[in-house]
Amino acid sequence: MGYERIITFLIRWPNSLCHYSGEPTLQRDGFLKLLEHAKRALPSTQLHILTNGSAFEEYHYVEQIIQLGHQQIVWGIPIYGSTPQQHDYHTQVLGSFNKTMHGLYNLGHVGAQIELRVVLTRPIIENIVDLSEFIVRNLPFVSTVALMGLEPTGFARTNYEAVWCDLNEYQEELLEGTHVLLSSGLDTVLYNIPRCHVPKSLRSIAVQSISDWKNSSRKECEYCEEQDLCCGFFKSHTQRFSEQNVMPIQLERRAENVVRT
């Protein structure tokens, strides 16, 4: 069943509809028809569409989308570094950085809503301050910057040792990079990061972002005061977290009280 038929058979209008799998712009004309159908069938529903953004290098294609008149689209576009070498290393596509940047500028020119996505692989978190400064200087028009914990699926699973990092070991980098974004006025959120892995001063921007069917928790989480606010862990990754990496926030606070006493 195609996306258009799925939209047609929705029982009620959802507040938002997300497209997360595959690159939607590969079928150029088909994607335009889908957007046109969504505007007609679900005029008040926000579309959240993940794309690598390279198709928007062609300004004419951006114009075609704008001419559809859909006012409720958020484009989720990833960036993997502040240089072509860093970005293309992650995509394994030579020239992808330049295409994505051109696409971002074209979308920015027409005032599109952009959620810039930064997946926190080890190479990225090690350079997160440079990347944050790059975003502030060159992409200040984006609506939101989302710093995202890594989901170990697909190529991330295949290349696990090269890309995975324990964010507990990079708290200073995460804090400094996020502060660069926040201090510039950019709306910044943290996705897919358990609250016990987030510096205390940043927990207010940590979002419950992991879908229910992907979400899991550890036994230790039962004792956490902020479990209801936490995104939890990806089911595909819970076995890799050792006990010392999951520290219930309640126990953390009790430890602080003991120190004060």
C-alpha atoms as a PDB file:
ATOM      1  CA  MET A   1       0.000   0.000   0.000  1.00  0.00           C
ATOM      2  CA  GLY A   2       1.447   3.381  -1.046  1.00  0.00           C
ATOM      3  CA  TYR A   3       1.770   6.387   1.237  1.00  0.00           C
ATOM      4  CA  GLU A   4      -1.114   8.167  -0.499  1.00  0.00           C
ATOM      5  CA  ARG A   5      -3.499   5.299   0.271  1.00  0.00           C
ATOM      6  CA  ILE A   6      -2.272   5.141   3.865  1.00  0.00           C
ATOM      7  CA  ILE A   7      -3.028   8.852   4.268  1.00  0.00           C
ATOM      8  CA  THR A   8      -6.454   8.359   2.724  1.00  0.00           C
ATOM      9  CA  PHE A   9      -7.364   5.571   5.160  1.00  0.00           C
ATOM     10  CA  LEU A  10      -6.312   7.422   8.326  1.00  0.00           C
ATOM     11  CA  ILE A  11      -9.324   7.424  10.650  1.00  0.00           C
ATOM     12  CA  ARG A  12      -8.602  10.888  12.052  1.00  0.00           C
ATOM     13  CA  TRP A  13      -6.175  13.675  11.299  1.00  0.00           C
ATOM     14  CA  PRO A  14      -2.987  13.313  13.362  1.00  0.00           C
ATOM     15  CA  ASN A  15      -1.161  16.379  14.678  1.00  0.00           C
ATOM     16  CA  SER A  16       1.976  15.241  12.875  1.00  0.00           C
ATOM     17  CA  LEU A  17       3.009  12.606  10.374  1.00  0.00           C
ATOM     18  CA  CYS A  18       6.638  11.473  10.113  1.00  0.00           C
ATOM     19  CA  HIS A  19       8.560   9.949   7.229  1.00  0.00           C
ATOM     20  CA  TYR A  20      11.617   8.202   8.689  1.00  0.00           C
ATOM     21  CA  SER A  21      12.629   5.391   6.321  1.00  0.00           C
ATOM     22  CA  GLY A  22      14.523   5.668   3.077  1.00  0.00           C
ATOM     23  CA  GLU A  23      15.336   8.780   1.064  1.00  0.00           C
ATOM     24  CA  PRO A  24      11.957  10.235  -0.016  1.00  0.00           C
ATOM     25  CA  THR A  25      13.332  12.507  -2.735  1.00  0.00           C
ATOM     26  CA  LEU A  26      14.694   9.631  -4.831  1.00  0.00           C
ATOM     27  CA  GLN A  27      11.318   9.558  -6.587  1.00  0.00           C
ATOM     28  CA  ARG A  28      11.205  13.231  -7.437  1.00  0.00           C
ATOM     29  CA  ASP A  29       7.792  13.493  -9.104  1.00  0.00           C
ATOM     30  CA  GLY A  30       6.271  10.828  -6.884  1.00  0.00           C
ATOM     31  CA  PHE A  31       7.357  12.723  -3.786  1.00  0.00           C
ATOM     32  CA  LEU A  32       5.819  15.941  -5.098  1.00  0.00           C
ATOM     33  CA  LYS A  33       2.543  14.096  -5.663  1.00  0.00           C
ATOM     34  CA  LEU A  34       2.688  12.715  -2.127  1.00  0.00           C
ATOM     35  CA  LEU A  35       3.148  16.205  -0.669  1.00  0.00           C
ATOM     36  CA  GLU A  36       0.309  17.512  -2.803  1.00  0.00           C
ATOM     37  CA  HIS A  37      -1.958  14.683  -1.636  1.00  0.00           C
ATOM     38  CA  ALA A  38      -1.002  15.244   2.010  1.00  0.00           C
ATOM     39  CA  LYS A  39      -1.825  18.945   1.722  1.00  0.00           C
ATOM     40  CA  ARG A  40      -5.231  18.118   0.295  1.00  0.00           C
ATOM     41  CA  ALA A  41      -6.105  15.211   2.609  1.00  0.00           C
ATOM     42  CA  LEU A  42      -4.433  16.407   5.831  1.00  0.00           C
ATOM     43  CA  PRO A  43      -4.175  20.198   5.550  1.00  0.00           C
ATOM     44  CA  SER A  44      -3.588  20.824   9.276  1.00  0.00           C
ATOM     45  CA  THR A  45      -1.171  17.924   9.866  1.00  0.00           C
ATOM     46  CA  GLN A  46       2.501  18.757  10.205  1.00  0.00           C
ATOM     47  CA  LEU A  47       4.787  16.625   8.047  1.00  0.00           C
ATOM     48  CA  HIS A  48       8.165  15.756   9.554  1.00  0.00           C
ATOM     49  CA  ILE A  49      10.309  14.447   6.722  1.00  0.00           C
ATOM     50  CA  LEU A  50      13.810  13.048   7.109  1.00  0.00           C
ATOM     51  CA  THR A  51      16.044  13.514   4.076  1.00  0.00           C
ATOM     52  CA  ASN A  52      19.735  13.897   3.345  1.00  0.00           C
ATOM     53  CA  GLY A  53      18.871  17.204   1.662  1.00  0.00           C
ATOM     54  CA  SER A  54      21.016  16.615  -1.405  1.00  0.00           C
ATOM     55  CA  ALA A  55      18.063  16.822  -3.824  1.00  0.00           C
ATOM     56  CA  PHE A  56      17.480  20.408  -2.703  1.00  0.00           C
ATOM     57  CA  GLU A  57      20.790  21.349  -4.279  1.00  0.00           C
ATOM     58  CA  GLU A  58      18.588  21.999  -7.317  1.00  0.00           C
ATOM     59  CA  TYR A  59      16.774  25.224  -6.518  1.00  0.00           C
ATOM     60  CA  HIS A  60      14.123  24.451  -9.134  1.00  0.00           C
ATOM     61  CA  TYR A  61      13.096  21.379  -7.134  1.00  0.00           C
ATOM     62  CA  VAL A  62      12.784  23.500  -3.984  1.00  0.00           C
ATOM     63  CA  GLU A  63      10.605  25.933  -5.947  1.00  0.00           C
ATOM     64  CA  GLN A  64       8.356  23.073  -7.060  1.00  0.00           C
ATOM     65  CA  ILE A  65       7.836  22.052  -3.442  1.00  0.00           C
ATOM     66  CA  ILE A  66       7.148  25.620  -2.321  1.00  0.00           C
ATOM     67  CA  GLN A  67       4.629  26.090  -5.126  1.00  0.00           C
ATOM     68  CA  LEU A  68       2.546  23.281  -3.621  1.00  0.00           C
ATOM     69  CA  GLY A  69       1.761  25.659  -0.797  1.00  0.00           C
ATOM     70  CA  HIS A  70       2.101  23.165   2.053  1.00  0.00           C
ATOM     71  CA  GLN A  71       2.814  25.288   5.134  1.00  0.00           C
ATOM     72  CA  GLN A  72       3.318  22.457   7.631  1.00  0.00           C
ATOM     73  CA  ILE A  73       6.581  20.740   6.635  1.00  0.00           C
ATOM     74  CA  VAL A  74       9.647  20.305   8.848  1.00  0.00           C
ATOM     75  CA  TRP A  75      12.727  18.984   7.050  1.00  0.00           C
ATOM     76  CA  GLY A  76      14.983  16.820   9.221  1.00  0.00           C
ATOM     77  CA  ILE A  77      18.424  16.986   7.616  1.00  0.00           C
ATOM     78  CA  PRO A  78      21.629  15.509   9.092  1.00  0.00           C
ATOM     79  CA  ILE A  79      25.054  17.083   9.090  1.00  0.00           C
ATOM     80  CA  TYR A  80      28.063  14.981  10.064  1.00  0.00           C
ATOM     81  CA  GLY A  81      30.848  17.490  10.372  1.00  0.00           C
ATOM     82  CA  SER A  82      32.111  20.964   9.632  1.00  0.00           C
ATOM     83  CA  THR A  83      34.247  19.820   6.691  1.00  0.00           C
ATOM     84  CA  PRO A  84      33.584  17.751   3.559  1.00  0.00           C
ATOM     85  CA  GLN A  85      35.999  15.109   4.847  1.00  0.00           C
ATOM     86  CA  GLN A  86      34.122  14.633   8.129  1.00  0.00           C
ATOM     87  CA  HIS A  87      30.657  14.613   6.556  1.00  0.00           C
ATOM     88  CA  ASP A  88      31.545  12.419   3.575  1.00  0.00           C
ATOM     89  CA  TYR A  89      33.306   9.942   5.905  1.00  0.00           C
ATOM     90  CA  HIS A  90      29.955   9.205   7.550  1.00  0.00           C
ATOM     91  CA  THR A  91      27.864   9.138   4.380  1.00  0.00           C
ATOM     92  CA  GLN A  92      30.536   7.343   2.329  1.00  0.00           C
ATOM     93  CA  VAL A  93      29.435   9.491  -0.607  1.00  0.00           C
ATOM     94  CA  LEU A  94      32.041  11.837  -2.069  1.00  0.00           C
ATOM     95  CA  GLY A  95      30.612  15.329  -2.491  1.00  0.00           C
ATOM     96  CA  SER A  96      27.626  14.782  -0.203  1.00  0.00           C
ATOM     97  CA  PHE A  97      28.665  17.620   2.126  1.00  0.00           C
ATOM     98  CA  ASN A  98      28.551  20.204  -0.640  1.00  0.00           C
ATOM     99  CA  LYS A  99      25.197  18.941  -1.907  1.00  0.00           C
ATOM    100  CA  THR A 100      23.672  18.985   1.561  1.00  0.00           C
ATOM    101  CA  MET A 101      24.986  22.478   2.289  1.00  0.00           C
ATOM    102  CA  HIS A 102      23.611  23.811  -0.996  1.00  0.00           C
ATOM    103  CA  GLY A 103      20.309  22.143  -0.185  1.00  0.00           C
ATOM    104  CA  LEU A 104      20.211  23.732   3.256  1.00  0.00           C
ATOM    105  CA  TYR A 105      20.913  27.182   1.829  1.00  0.00           C
ATOM    106  CA  ASN A 106      18.199  26.780  -0.803  1.00  0.00           C
ATOM    107  CA  LEU A 107      15.666  25.722   1.840  1.00  0.00           C
ATOM    108  CA  GLY A 108      16.778  28.580   4.062  1.00  0.00           C
ATOM    109  CA  HIS A 109      16.321  31.023   1.191  1.00  0.00           C
ATOM    110  CA  VAL A 110      12.622  30.137   0.909  1.00  0.00           C
ATOM    111  CA  GLY A 111      12.099  30.171   4.680  1.00  0.00           C
ATOM    112  CA  ALA A 112      11.544  26.442   5.126  1.00  0.00           C
ATOM    113  CA  GLN A 113      11.492  24.915   8.605  1.00  0.00           C
ATOM    114  CA  ILE A 114      14.682  22.900   9.110  1.00  0.00           C
ATOM    115  CA  GLU A 115      15.554  20.566  11.929  1.00  0.00           C
ATOM    116  CA  LEU A 116      19.312  20.142  11.621  1.00  0.00           C
ATOM    117  CA  ARG A 117      20.232  16.706  12.963  1.00  0.00           C
ATOM    118  CA  VAL A 118      23.616  15.906  14.508  1.00  0.00           C
ATOM    119  CA  VAL A 119      24.079  12.215  15.328  1.00  0.00           C
ATOM    120  CA  LEU A 120      26.627  11.890  18.113  1.00  0.00           C
ATOM    121  CA  THR A 121      29.052   9.328  16.754  1.00  0.00           C
ATOM    122  CA  ARG A 122      32.504   9.266  18.333  1.00  0.00           C
ATOM    123  CA  PRO A 123      34.157  11.284  15.522  1.00  0.00           C
ATOM    124  CA  ILE A 124      31.383  13.884  15.785  1.00  0.00           C
ATOM    125  CA  ILE A 125      31.355  14.251  19.577  1.00  0.00           C
ATOM    126  CA  GLU A 126      35.135  14.627  19.531  1.00  0.00           C
ATOM    127  CA  ASN A 127      34.681  17.627  17.227  1.00  0.00           C
ATOM    128  CA  ILE A 128      31.305  18.841  18.486  1.00  0.00           C
ATOM    129  CA  VAL A 129      32.537  22.296  19.510  1.00  0.00           C
ATOM    130  CA  ASP A 130      33.954  22.989  16.037  1.00  0.00           C
ATOM    131  CA  LEU A 131      30.743  21.687  14.449  1.00  0.00           C
ATOM    132  CA  SER A 132      28.565  23.801  16.752  1.00  0.00           C
ATOM    133  CA  GLU A 133      30.573  26.916  15.901  1.00  0.00           C
ATOM    134  CA  PHE A 134      30.261  26.040  12.201  1.00  0.00           C
ATOM    135  CA  ILE A 135      26.473  25.777  12.536  1.00  0.00           C
ATOM    136  CA  VAL A 136      26.244  29.097  14.366  1.00  0.00           C
ATOM    137  CA  ARG A 137      28.329  30.869  11.706  1.00  0.00           C
ATOM    138  CA  ASN A 138      26.941  29.248   8.578  1.00  0.00           C
ATOM    139  CA  LEU A 139      23.450  27.899   9.356  1.00  0.00           C
ATOM    140  CA  PRO A 140      21.860  30.366  11.784  1.00  0.00           C
ATOM    141  CA  PHE A 141      18.563  30.172   9.872  1.00  0.00           C
ATOM    142  CA  VAL A 142      17.719  26.593  10.880  1.00  0.00           C
ATOM    143  CA  SER A 143      14.668  26.243  13.125  1.00  0.00           C
ATOM    144  CA  THR A 144      16.138  23.645  15.487  1.00  0.00           C
ATOM    145  CA  VAL A 145      19.395  21.817  16.094  1.00  0.00           C
ATOM    146  CA  ALA A 146      18.888  18.290  17.413  1.00  0.00           C
ATOM    147  CA  LEU A 147      21.878  16.547  18.993  1.00  0.00           C
ATOM    148  CA  MET A 148      21.047  12.860  18.827  1.00  0.00           C
ATOM    149  CA  GLY A 149      22.259   9.743  20.580  1.00  0.00           C
ATOM    150  CA  LEU A 150      23.262   7.021  18.147  1.00  0.00           C
ATOM    151  CA  GLU A 151      20.868   4.174  17.337  1.00  0.00           C
ATOM    152  CA  PRO A 152      23.037   1.112  16.603  1.00  0.00           C
ATOM    153  CA  THR A 153      21.225  -0.172  13.526  1.00  0.00           C
ATOM    154  CA  GLY A 154      22.134  -0.482   9.860  1.00  0.00           C
ATOM    155  CA  PHE A 155      25.638   0.716   9.036  1.00  0.00           C
ATOM    156  CA  ALA A 156      26.059   1.975  12.600  1.00  0.00           C
ATOM    157  CA  ARG A 157      25.817  -1.622  13.800  1.00  0.00           C
ATOM    158  CA  THR A 158      28.205  -2.823  11.110  1.00  0.00           C
ATOM    159  CA  ASN A 159      30.749  -0.141  12.039  1.00  0.00           C
ATOM    160  CA  TYR A 160      29.972  -0.114  15.751  1.00  0.00           C
ATOM    161  CA  GLU A 161      33.527   0.069  17.052  1.00  0.00           C
ATOM    162  CA  ALA A 162      34.317   3.038  14.801  1.00  0.00           C
ATOM    163  CA  VAL A 163      31.244   5.172  15.574  1.00  0.00           C
ATOM    164  CA  TRP A 164      29.909   4.294  19.035  1.00  0.00           C
ATOM    165  CA  CYS A 165      30.843   6.357  22.075  1.00  0.00           C
ATOM    166  CA  ASP A 166      29.733   6.328  25.696  1.00  0.00           C
ATOM    167  CA  LEU A 167      28.447   9.863  26.225  1.00  0.00           C
ATOM    168  CA  ASN A 168      29.332   9.588  29.920  1.00  0.00           C
ATOM    169  CA  GLU A 169      32.923   9.905  28.758  1.00  0.00           C
ATOM    170  CA  TYR A 170      32.189  13.050  26.719  1.00  0.00           C
ATOM    171  CA  GLN A 171      30.145  15.143  29.135  1.00  0.00           C
ATOM    172  CA  GLU A 172      32.409  18.198  28.859  1.00  0.00           C
ATOM    173  CA  GLU A 173      32.355  18.110  25.065  1.00  0.00           C
ATOM    174  CA  LEU A 174      28.562  17.724  24.972  1.00  0.00           C
ATOM    175  CA  LEU A 175      28.139  20.551  27.463  1.00  0.00           C
ATOM    176  CA  GLU A 176      30.487  22.933  25.652  1.00  0.00           C
ATOM    177  CA  GLY A 177      29.117  22.203  22.188  1.00  0.00           C
ATOM    178  CA  THR A 178      25.521  22.604  23.345  1.00  0.00           C
ATOM    179  CA  HIS A 179      26.316  25.871  25.110  1.00  0.00           C
ATOM    180  CA  VAL A 180      27.782  27.255  21.885  1.00  0.00           C
ATOM    181  CA  LEU A 181      24.444  26.592  20.166  1.00  0.00           C
ATOM    182  CA  LEU A 182      22.264  27.825  23.014  1.00  0.00           C
ATOM    183  CA  SER A 183      24.263  30.988  23.583  1.00  0.00           C
ATOM    184  CA  SER A 184      23.758  31.924  19.926  1.00  0.00           C
ATOM    185  CA  GLY A 185      19.993  31.754  20.367  1.00  0.00           C
ATOM    186  CA  LEU A 186      19.508  28.584  18.321  1.00  0.00           C
ATOM    187  CA  ASP A 187      16.715  26.319  19.536  1.00  0.00           C
ATOM    188  CA  THR A 188      18.591  23.179  20.628  1.00  0.00           C
ATOM    189  CA  VAL A 189      17.302  19.812  21.820  1.00  0.00           C
ATOM    190  CA  LEU A 190      18.820  16.488  22.851  1.00  0.00           C
ATOM    191  CA  TYR A 191      17.282  13.351  21.347  1.00  0.00           C
ATOM    192  CA  ASN A 192      17.805   9.678  22.198  1.00  0.00           C
ATOM    193  CA  ILE A 193      20.019  10.291  25.239  1.00  0.00           C
ATOM    194  CA  PRO A 194      19.009   8.800  28.625  1.00  0.00           C
ATOM    195  CA  ARG A 195      18.818  11.491  31.287  1.00  0.00           C
ATOM    196  CA  CYS A 196      21.547   9.866  33.379  1.00  0.00           C
ATOM    197  CA  HIS A 197      23.847  10.394  30.376  1.00  0.00           C
ATOM    198  CA  VAL A 198      22.980  14.102  30.104  1.00  0.00           C
ATOM    199  CA  PRO A 199      24.786  16.845  32.085  1.00  0.00           C
ATOM    200  CA  LYS A 200      22.424  18.181  34.764  1.00  0.00           C
ATOM    201  CA  SER A 201      22.279  21.667  33.292  1.00  0.00           C
ATOM    202  CA  LEU A 202      21.079  20.242  29.950  1.00  0.00           C
ATOM    203  CA  ARG A 203      18.340  17.902  31.173  1.00  0.00           C
ATOM    204  CA  SER A 204      15.675  20.534  30.532  1.00  0.00           C
ATOM    205  CA  ILE A 205      16.270  20.180  26.764  1.00  0.00           C
ATOM    206  CA  ALA A 206      16.439  16.361  26.737  1.00  0.00           C
ATOM    207  CA  VAL A 207      13.397  15.063  24.844  1.00  0.00           C
ATOM    208  CA  GLN A 208      11.470  11.771  25.109  1.00  0.00           C
ATOM    209  CA  SER A 209      12.263  10.993  21.504  1.00  0.00           C
ATOM    210  CA  ILE A 210      12.568   7.203  21.175  1.00  0.00           C
ATOM    211  CA  SER A 211       9.447   5.575  19.716  1.00  0.00           C
ATOM    212  CA  ASP A 212       7.590   3.215  22.055  1.00  0.00           C
ATOM    213  CA  TRP A 213       8.321   0.171  19.925  1.00  0.00           C
ATOM    214  CA  LYS A 214      12.058   0.926  20.010  1.00  0.00           C
ATOM    215  CA  ASN A 215      12.199   1.931  23.675  1.00  0.00           C
ATOM    216  CA  SER A 216      13.534  -0.092  26.582  1.00  0.00           C
ATOM    217  CA  SER A 217      14.739   0.507  30.126  1.00  0.00           C
ATOM    218  CA  ARG A 218      17.177  -1.148  32.508  1.00  0.00           C
ATOM    219  CA  LYS A 219      16.385  -2.679  35.855  1.00  0.00           C
ATOM    220  CA  GLU A 220      18.261   0.200  37.497  1.00  0.00           C
ATOM    221  CA  CYS A 221      15.810   2.652  35.906  1.00  0.00           C
ATOM    222  CA  GLU A 222      13.076   1.545  38.338  1.00  0.00           C
ATOM    223  CA  TYR A 223      14.834   3.562  41.054  1.00  0.00           C
ATOM    224  CA  CYS A 224      15.225   6.742  38.997  1.00  0.00           C
ATOM    225  CA  GLU A 225      13.163   9.791  39.986  1.00  0.00           C
ATOM    226  CA  GLU A 226      13.131  11.041  36.400  1.00  0.00           C
ATOM    227  CA  GLN A 227      12.162   7.831  34.621  1.00  0.00           C
ATOM    228  CA  ASP A 228       8.881   9.365  33.437  1.00  0.00           C
ATOM    229  CA  LEU A 229      10.816  12.191  31.782  1.00  0.00           C
ATOM    230  CA  CYS A 230      13.490   9.986  30.215  1.00  0.00           C
ATOM    231  CA  CYS A 231      13.665   8.712  26.646  1.00  0.00           C
ATOM    232  CA  GLY A 232      15.124   5.432  27.913  1.00  0.00           C
ATOM    233  CA  PHE A 233      17.359   3.224  25.799  1.00  0.00           C
ATOM    234  CA  PHE A 234      17.101   1.733  22.340  1.00  0.00           C
ATOM    235  CA  LYS A 235      16.103  -1.932  22.552  1.00  0.00           C
ATOM    236  CA  SER A 236      18.839  -2.652  20.047  1.00  0.00           C
ATOM    237  CA  HIS A 237      21.453  -1.426  22.492  1.00  0.00           C
ATOM    238  CA  THR A 238      20.511  -2.199  26.089  1.00  0.00           C
ATOM    239  CA  GLN A 239      22.835  -5.206  26.371  1.00  0.00           C
ATOM    240  CA  ARG A 240      25.886  -3.013  25.717  1.00  0.00           C
ATOM    241  CA  PHE A 241      25.371  -0.764  28.725  1.00  0.00           C
ATOM    242  CA  SER A 242      27.314  -1.943  31.759  1.00  0.00           C
ATOM    243  CA  GLU A 243      25.855  -1.340  35.217  1.00  0.00           C
ATOM    244  CA  GLN A 244      28.149   1.578  36.019  1.00  0.00           C
ATOM    245  CA  ASN A 245      26.839   3.426  32.954  1.00  0.00           C
ATOM    246  CA  VAL A 246      23.252   3.503  34.248  1.00  0.00           C
ATOM    247  CA  MET A 247      23.037   5.626  37.386  1.00  0.00           C
ATOM    248  CA  PRO A 248      19.475   6.283  38.621  1.00  0.00           C
ATOM    249  CA  ILE A 249      19.157   9.998  39.268  1.00  0.00           C
ATOM    250  CA  GLN A 250      17.537   9.342  42.649  1.00  0.00           C
ATOM    251  CA  LEU A 251      20.649   7.522  43.838  1.00  0.00           C
ATOM    252  CA  GLU A 252      22.759  10.314  42.392  1.00  0.00           C
ATOM    253  CA  ARG A 253      20.888  12.855  44.523  1.00  0.00           C
ATOM    254  CA  ARG A 254      21.128  10.694  47.628  1.00  0.00           C
ATOM    255  CA  ALA A 255      24.876  10.477  47.104  1.00  0.00           C
ATOM    256  CA  GLU A 256      25.013  14.280  46.949  1.00  0.00           C
ATOM    257  CA  ASN A 257      23.061  14.535  50.201  1.00  0.00           C
ATOM    258  CA  VAL A 258      25.489  12.166  51.909  1.00  0.00           C
ATOM    259  CA  VAL A 259      28.400  14.327  50.785  1.00  0.00           C
ATOM    260  CA  ARG A 260      26.723  17.490  52.117  1.00  0.00           C
ATOM    261  CA  THR A 261      25.986  15.778  55.450  1.00  0.00           C
END
